[in-house]
Protein backbone atom coordinates (compact mmCIF):
# COMPACT_ATOMS: atom_id res chain seq x y z
CA MET A 1 -24.36 -0.02 33.65
CA ASN A 2 -20.83 -0.13 32.35
CA PRO A 3 -20.46 3.12 30.33
CA TYR A 4 -18.10 1.38 27.91
CA ARG A 5 -20.87 -1.00 26.82
CA LYS A 6 -22.48 1.84 24.84
CA PHE A 7 -19.12 2.55 23.20
CA VAL A 8 -18.67 -1.11 22.20
CA ASP A 9 -22.27 -1.41 20.99
CA ALA A 10 -21.65 1.55 18.69
CA GLN A 11 -18.74 -0.31 17.10
CA VAL A 12 -20.92 -3.35 16.50
CA ARG A 13 -23.64 -1.22 14.91
CA LEU A 14 -21.13 0.42 12.59
CA ILE A 15 -20.04 -2.96 11.21
CA GLU A 16 -23.64 -4.09 10.76
CA ASP A 17 -24.62 -0.83 9.08
CA GLY A 18 -21.58 -1.10 6.83
CA LYS A 19 -22.81 -4.39 5.40
CA ALA A 20 -25.64 -2.50 3.72
CA LEU A 21 -23.32 -0.05 1.93
CA PRO A 22 -22.89 -0.46 -1.84
CA LEU A 23 -19.97 -2.41 -3.28
CA GLY A 24 -18.44 -0.50 -6.15
CA GLY A 25 -20.54 1.51 -8.55
CA LEU A 26 -19.88 4.71 -6.60
CA ALA A 27 -20.18 8.13 -8.18
CA ALA A 28 -16.87 9.43 -9.50
CA LEU A 29 -14.73 11.41 -7.09
CA PRO A 30 -13.54 14.89 -7.99
CA SER A 31 -9.79 14.49 -8.28
CA ALA A 32 -6.84 16.58 -9.36
CA VAL A 33 -5.10 15.12 -12.38
CA PRO A 34 -1.30 15.14 -12.00
CA ALA A 35 0.72 16.76 -14.75
CA ALA A 36 2.00 14.40 -17.44
CA ASP A 37 5.57 15.07 -16.30
CA ALA A 38 4.82 14.81 -12.57
CA PRO A 39 7.09 12.52 -10.51
CA VAL A 40 5.92 8.91 -10.31
CA ALA A 41 5.23 6.71 -7.30
CA LEU A 42 4.98 3.01 -8.12
CA VAL A 43 2.94 0.75 -5.82
CA PHE A 44 3.98 -2.88 -6.24
CA SER A 45 0.87 -4.72 -5.07
CA PRO A 46 1.09 -8.46 -4.36
CA HIS A 47 -2.66 -8.87 -4.96
CA PRO A 48 -5.51 -6.76 -6.26
CA ASP A 49 -6.77 -4.83 -3.19
CA ASP A 50 -3.37 -4.24 -1.56
CA GLU A 51 -3.20 -0.88 -3.34
CA CYS A 52 -6.16 0.21 -1.19
CA ILE A 53 -5.27 -1.51 2.08
CA THR A 54 -1.76 -0.06 2.41
CA GLY A 55 -2.24 2.91 0.07
CA GLY A 56 -2.76 5.71 2.58
CA LEU A 57 0.55 7.47 1.94
CA ALA A 58 0.28 6.88 -1.81
CA LEU A 59 -3.16 8.50 -1.78
CA ARG A 60 -1.85 11.50 0.14
CA LEU A 61 1.03 11.90 -2.33
CA LEU A 62 -1.48 11.87 -5.18
CA ARG A 63 -3.91 14.30 -3.57
CA GLU A 64 -1.50 16.66 -1.85
CA ALA A 65 1.77 16.48 -3.81
CA LYS A 66 0.18 15.71 -7.20
CA LEU A 67 2.49 12.75 -7.85
CA GLN A 68 1.42 10.22 -10.44
CA VAL A 69 0.59 7.08 -8.47
CA ILE A 70 0.71 3.94 -10.58
CA ASN A 71 -0.27 0.58 -9.17
CA VAL A 72 1.76 -2.31 -10.58
CA ALA A 73 -0.36 -5.46 -10.37
CA VAL A 74 2.33 -8.00 -9.51
CA THR A 75 -0.19 -10.86 -9.44
CA GLN A 76 -3.91 -11.14 -10.07
CA GLY A 77 -4.40 -13.72 -7.35
CA SER A 78 -3.82 -17.47 -7.37
CA ASN A 79 -7.35 -18.49 -8.40
CA ARG A 80 -7.06 -18.55 -12.19
CA GLU A 81 -10.81 -18.57 -12.65
CA ARG A 82 -10.97 -15.23 -10.84
CA GLN A 83 -7.97 -13.51 -12.43
CA ALA A 84 -9.83 -11.75 -15.23
CA ALA A 85 -12.55 -10.59 -12.86
CA ARG A 86 -10.01 -9.42 -10.31
CA TRP A 87 -8.25 -7.37 -12.98
CA GLN A 88 -11.51 -5.63 -13.86
CA GLU A 89 -12.27 -5.00 -10.19
CA LEU A 90 -8.76 -3.62 -9.74
CA LYS A 91 -9.15 -1.35 -12.76
CA ASN A 92 -12.46 -0.06 -11.40
CA ALA A 93 -10.89 0.61 -7.99
CA CYS A 94 -7.86 2.42 -9.44
CA ASP A 95 -9.96 4.47 -11.85
CA TRP A 96 -12.22 5.58 -9.01
CA ILE A 97 -9.50 6.64 -6.60
CA GLY A 98 -7.21 8.11 -9.26
CA PHE A 99 -4.35 5.60 -9.42
CA GLY A 100 -2.86 4.55 -12.71
CA LEU A 101 -2.62 0.82 -13.38
CA GLU A 102 0.15 -1.22 -14.96
CA ALA A 103 -0.01 -4.94 -15.74
CA THR A 104 2.97 -7.28 -15.35
CA ALA A 105 1.61 -10.11 -17.53
CA PRO A 106 -1.76 -10.99 -19.15
CA ASN A 107 -2.92 -12.66 -15.91
CA GLY A 108 -0.25 -11.33 -13.59
CA LEU A 109 2.98 -13.02 -12.56
CA GLU A 110 2.80 -16.54 -11.16
CA LYS A 111 4.64 -18.26 -8.31
CA VAL A 112 5.83 -15.05 -6.67
CA ASN A 113 7.09 -16.48 -3.39
CA PRO A 114 10.35 -17.24 -1.55
CA LYS A 115 10.21 -20.92 -2.50
CA THR A 116 10.31 -20.07 -6.20
CA ARG A 117 13.21 -17.69 -5.61
CA GLN A 118 15.22 -20.56 -4.14
CA ALA A 119 14.02 -23.56 -6.15
CA ASP A 120 13.28 -22.15 -9.60
CA PRO A 121 15.87 -19.47 -10.37
CA SER A 122 15.01 -19.39 -14.09
CA HIS A 123 11.34 -18.56 -13.45
CA TRP A 124 12.32 -16.07 -10.77
CA ALA A 125 14.81 -14.33 -13.05
CA GLY A 126 12.09 -13.81 -15.65
CA ALA A 127 9.80 -12.22 -13.06
CA VAL A 128 12.64 -9.99 -11.82
CA GLU A 129 13.20 -8.76 -15.38
CA VAL A 130 9.55 -7.75 -15.62
CA ILE A 131 9.77 -5.66 -12.46
CA ALA A 132 13.16 -4.24 -13.45
CA GLY A 133 11.55 -3.16 -16.71
CA LYS A 134 8.85 -1.25 -14.84
CA LEU A 135 11.48 0.57 -12.78
CA ALA A 136 13.41 1.47 -15.93
CA LYS A 137 10.24 2.58 -17.74
CA PHE A 138 8.90 4.89 -15.04
CA ARG A 139 12.05 5.95 -13.17
CA PRO A 140 9.94 6.42 -10.03
CA ARG A 141 10.77 8.89 -7.31
CA VAL A 142 8.99 6.66 -4.77
CA ILE A 143 8.24 2.95 -4.69
CA PHE A 144 6.04 0.95 -2.32
CA CYS A 145 6.31 -2.76 -1.59
CA PRO A 146 5.66 -5.09 1.37
CA HIS A 147 8.35 -5.65 3.99
CA GLU A 148 10.25 -8.92 4.10
CA HIS A 149 8.26 -10.49 6.96
CA ASP A 150 4.72 -9.70 5.80
CA TRP A 151 3.65 -13.34 6.47
CA ASN A 152 1.75 -14.03 3.24
CA SER A 153 4.09 -15.84 0.82
CA THR A 154 3.14 -13.61 -2.13
CA HIS A 155 3.71 -10.47 -0.06
CA ILE A 156 7.14 -11.72 0.97
CA GLY A 157 7.82 -12.80 -2.61
CA THR A 158 6.88 -9.36 -3.89
CA HIS A 159 9.33 -7.77 -1.44
CA PHE A 160 12.24 -9.83 -2.73
CA LEU A 161 11.12 -9.45 -6.35
CA VAL A 162 11.30 -5.67 -6.03
CA MET A 163 14.59 -5.75 -4.14
CA ASP A 164 16.18 -8.03 -6.74
CA ALA A 165 14.88 -5.76 -9.52
CA LEU A 166 16.32 -2.69 -7.79
CA LYS A 167 19.74 -4.33 -7.84
CA LYS A 168 19.52 -4.50 -11.62
CA GLN A 169 19.10 -0.75 -12.02
CA PRO A 170 21.97 1.52 -13.13
CA ALA A 171 24.33 2.79 -10.47
CA ASP A 172 22.78 6.27 -10.55
CA PHE A 173 19.23 4.98 -9.93
CA GLN A 174 17.78 6.50 -6.76
CA CYS A 175 14.34 6.49 -5.16
CA LEU A 176 12.57 6.55 -1.82
CA LEU A 177 11.69 3.00 -0.80
CA ILE A 178 8.57 2.69 1.35
CA GLU A 179 7.91 -0.74 2.84
CA SER A 180 4.38 -1.51 3.98
CA GLU A 181 2.78 -4.04 6.29
CA PHE A 182 -0.54 -5.85 6.38
CA TRP A 183 -0.47 -9.57 7.24
CA GLY A 184 2.67 -9.37 9.34
CA GLN A 185 3.60 -6.41 11.52
CA MET A 186 6.97 -4.72 11.16
CA SER A 187 9.14 -4.84 14.26
CA SER A 188 10.84 -1.57 13.34
CA PRO A 189 8.67 0.84 11.35
CA ASN A 190 10.11 4.33 11.21
CA LEU A 191 7.22 6.24 9.67
CA MET A 192 3.65 6.88 10.84
CA VAL A 193 1.37 8.73 8.43
CA GLU A 194 -1.91 10.18 9.68
CA LEU A 195 -4.92 9.69 7.44
CA SER A 196 -7.90 12.01 7.49
CA ALA A 197 -11.47 10.71 7.57
CA ASP A 198 -11.69 11.67 3.89
CA ASP A 199 -8.55 9.65 3.10
CA VAL A 200 -9.92 6.60 4.89
CA ALA A 201 -13.30 6.94 3.19
CA GLY A 202 -11.47 7.09 -0.14
CA LEU A 203 -9.56 3.89 0.59
CA LEU A 204 -12.74 2.13 1.72
CA GLY A 205 -14.66 3.30 -1.32
CA ALA A 206 -11.95 2.02 -3.65
CA LEU A 207 -11.69 -1.24 -1.73
CA SER A 208 -15.43 -1.80 -2.17
CA PHE A 209 -14.85 -2.14 -5.93
CA HIS A 210 -13.08 -5.44 -5.21
CA VAL A 211 -16.56 -6.90 -5.06
CA GLY A 212 -15.79 -10.60 -5.29
CA GLU A 213 -13.29 -10.41 -2.46
CA VAL A 214 -15.24 -8.32 0.03
CA GLN A 215 -18.41 -10.32 -0.58
CA ARG A 216 -16.46 -13.39 0.53
CA ASN A 217 -15.02 -11.59 3.54
CA PRO A 218 -16.08 -7.99 4.35
CA TYR A 219 -12.60 -7.04 5.48
CA HIS A 220 -13.07 -3.52 4.10
CA LEU A 221 -15.35 -2.79 7.06
CA ARG A 222 -12.54 -3.69 9.48
CA LEU A 223 -9.92 -1.53 7.81
CA PRO A 224 -10.72 1.54 9.98
CA GLY A 225 -10.16 -0.53 13.12
CA TRP A 226 -6.72 -1.57 11.86
CA LEU A 227 -5.85 2.04 11.02
CA ILE A 228 -6.92 3.09 14.51
CA ASP A 229 -4.75 0.42 16.12
CA ASN A 230 -1.78 1.63 14.07
CA VAL A 231 -1.87 4.84 16.10
CA ARG A 232 -1.46 2.82 19.29
CA ARG A 233 1.50 0.88 17.87
CA GLY A 234 3.07 3.78 16.04
CA ALA A 235 3.02 6.05 19.06
CA GLU A 236 5.78 3.95 20.63
CA LEU A 237 7.34 2.00 17.74
CA VAL A 238 7.83 5.17 15.71
CA GLY A 239 7.53 7.88 18.37
CA GLY A 240 9.66 6.13 20.96
CA GLN A 241 8.95 3.87 23.92
CA GLY A 242 6.91 5.68 26.52
CA GLY A 243 6.21 8.59 24.20
CA ALA A 244 2.91 10.46 24.18
CA ALA A 245 0.48 9.34 21.49
CA PRO A 246 -0.33 11.95 18.83
CA GLU A 247 -3.92 13.10 18.46
CA TYR A 248 -4.46 10.95 15.37
CA VAL A 249 -7.46 8.71 14.83
CA PHE A 250 -6.19 6.83 11.77
CA ALA A 251 -2.65 6.10 10.60
CA THR A 252 -0.59 3.74 8.49
CA LEU A 253 2.87 2.48 9.43
CA TYR A 254 5.76 2.16 7.00
CA ARG A 255 9.54 1.80 6.87
CA ALA A 256 11.22 4.47 4.74
CA SER A 257 14.69 4.25 3.26
CA TRP A 258 16.56 5.67 0.30
CA TRP A 259 17.68 3.28 -2.41
CA LYS A 260 20.97 4.63 -3.70
CA HIS A 261 24.33 3.21 -4.76
CA GLY A 262 22.71 -0.20 -5.16
CA ARG A 263 21.46 -0.57 -1.59
CA ALA A 264 18.89 0.67 0.91
CA GLU A 265 20.04 3.35 3.36
CA ALA A 266 18.09 4.73 6.31
CA ALA A 267 16.05 7.73 5.22
CA TYR A 268 16.62 9.49 8.54
CA ALA A 269 17.58 8.79 12.12
CA GLY A 270 14.83 7.67 14.48
CA GLY A 271 11.15 7.82 13.59
CA LYS A 272 9.03 10.34 11.73
CA GLN A 273 5.34 11.19 12.15
CA ILE A 274 3.48 12.99 9.37
CA GLY A 275 0.24 14.60 10.47
CA ALA A 276 -2.76 15.33 8.29
CA GLY A 277 -1.75 18.99 8.13
CA ASP A 278 1.86 18.27 7.14
CA SER A 279 3.18 17.99 3.59
CA PRO A 280 4.21 14.33 3.10
CA ALA A 281 6.43 15.24 0.14
CA ARG A 282 8.28 17.91 2.11
CA ALA A 283 8.58 15.70 5.19
CA LEU A 284 10.08 12.88 3.14
CA GLY A 285 12.31 15.06 0.99
CA ILE A 286 10.72 14.19 -2.33
């Protein structure tokens, strides 16, 4: 018998067993509460659930560096009948994992996509002002947003919305810009962040609170597989072609740069890998 059949069968069983796990309603996690004056990390999420999917580094900054992590709900999805429910699911997820939550509009911003940016500059300018206002309000030390080729039109729109809002900040505004990926892979990530089993379980638990979405498509059960594959990609894309893979099981890939003097500048030369035992704040200079 092929010995790898047992290995593959175990993966199948894990997915099937996962379908019986509860969605939301989990007992509260013990979590350290950041100080009121702690530095802020803003996560600009295109949709409710993106804060969990790409939030590995944000979660580590909350848990290990005690930063205030605030999720900015750029949109609440395109299905207007689901927007109120998605907001409540998002609030439940953020409350459970320890993220703050900030609205952009009563039902989120609308038409956040590259087409609007080109064809409806008046609407786009209003959305940019909303995001610029969040940056001015929180003066974040770190911001997260999707990269410019993240396939989904709202993800790409959110990238340009944040970049346009950054350009409206005062000349002395400075922060670490972390670009994430989900639908479309980055061709040049420069940061791989290891996630512990506890980190991944936290992300999955929070993602399960997005009940209406994961009932439709149990993508939360496939998140560990994606995080595993990131180690394969990151070993060479971040570590260098032909480099030895680190002994990580789970990781998330990002592109890190400093926003200063009105533009993005490389945060460092080459790639950086942050292991589970490393301080992400120290490694990133924040």
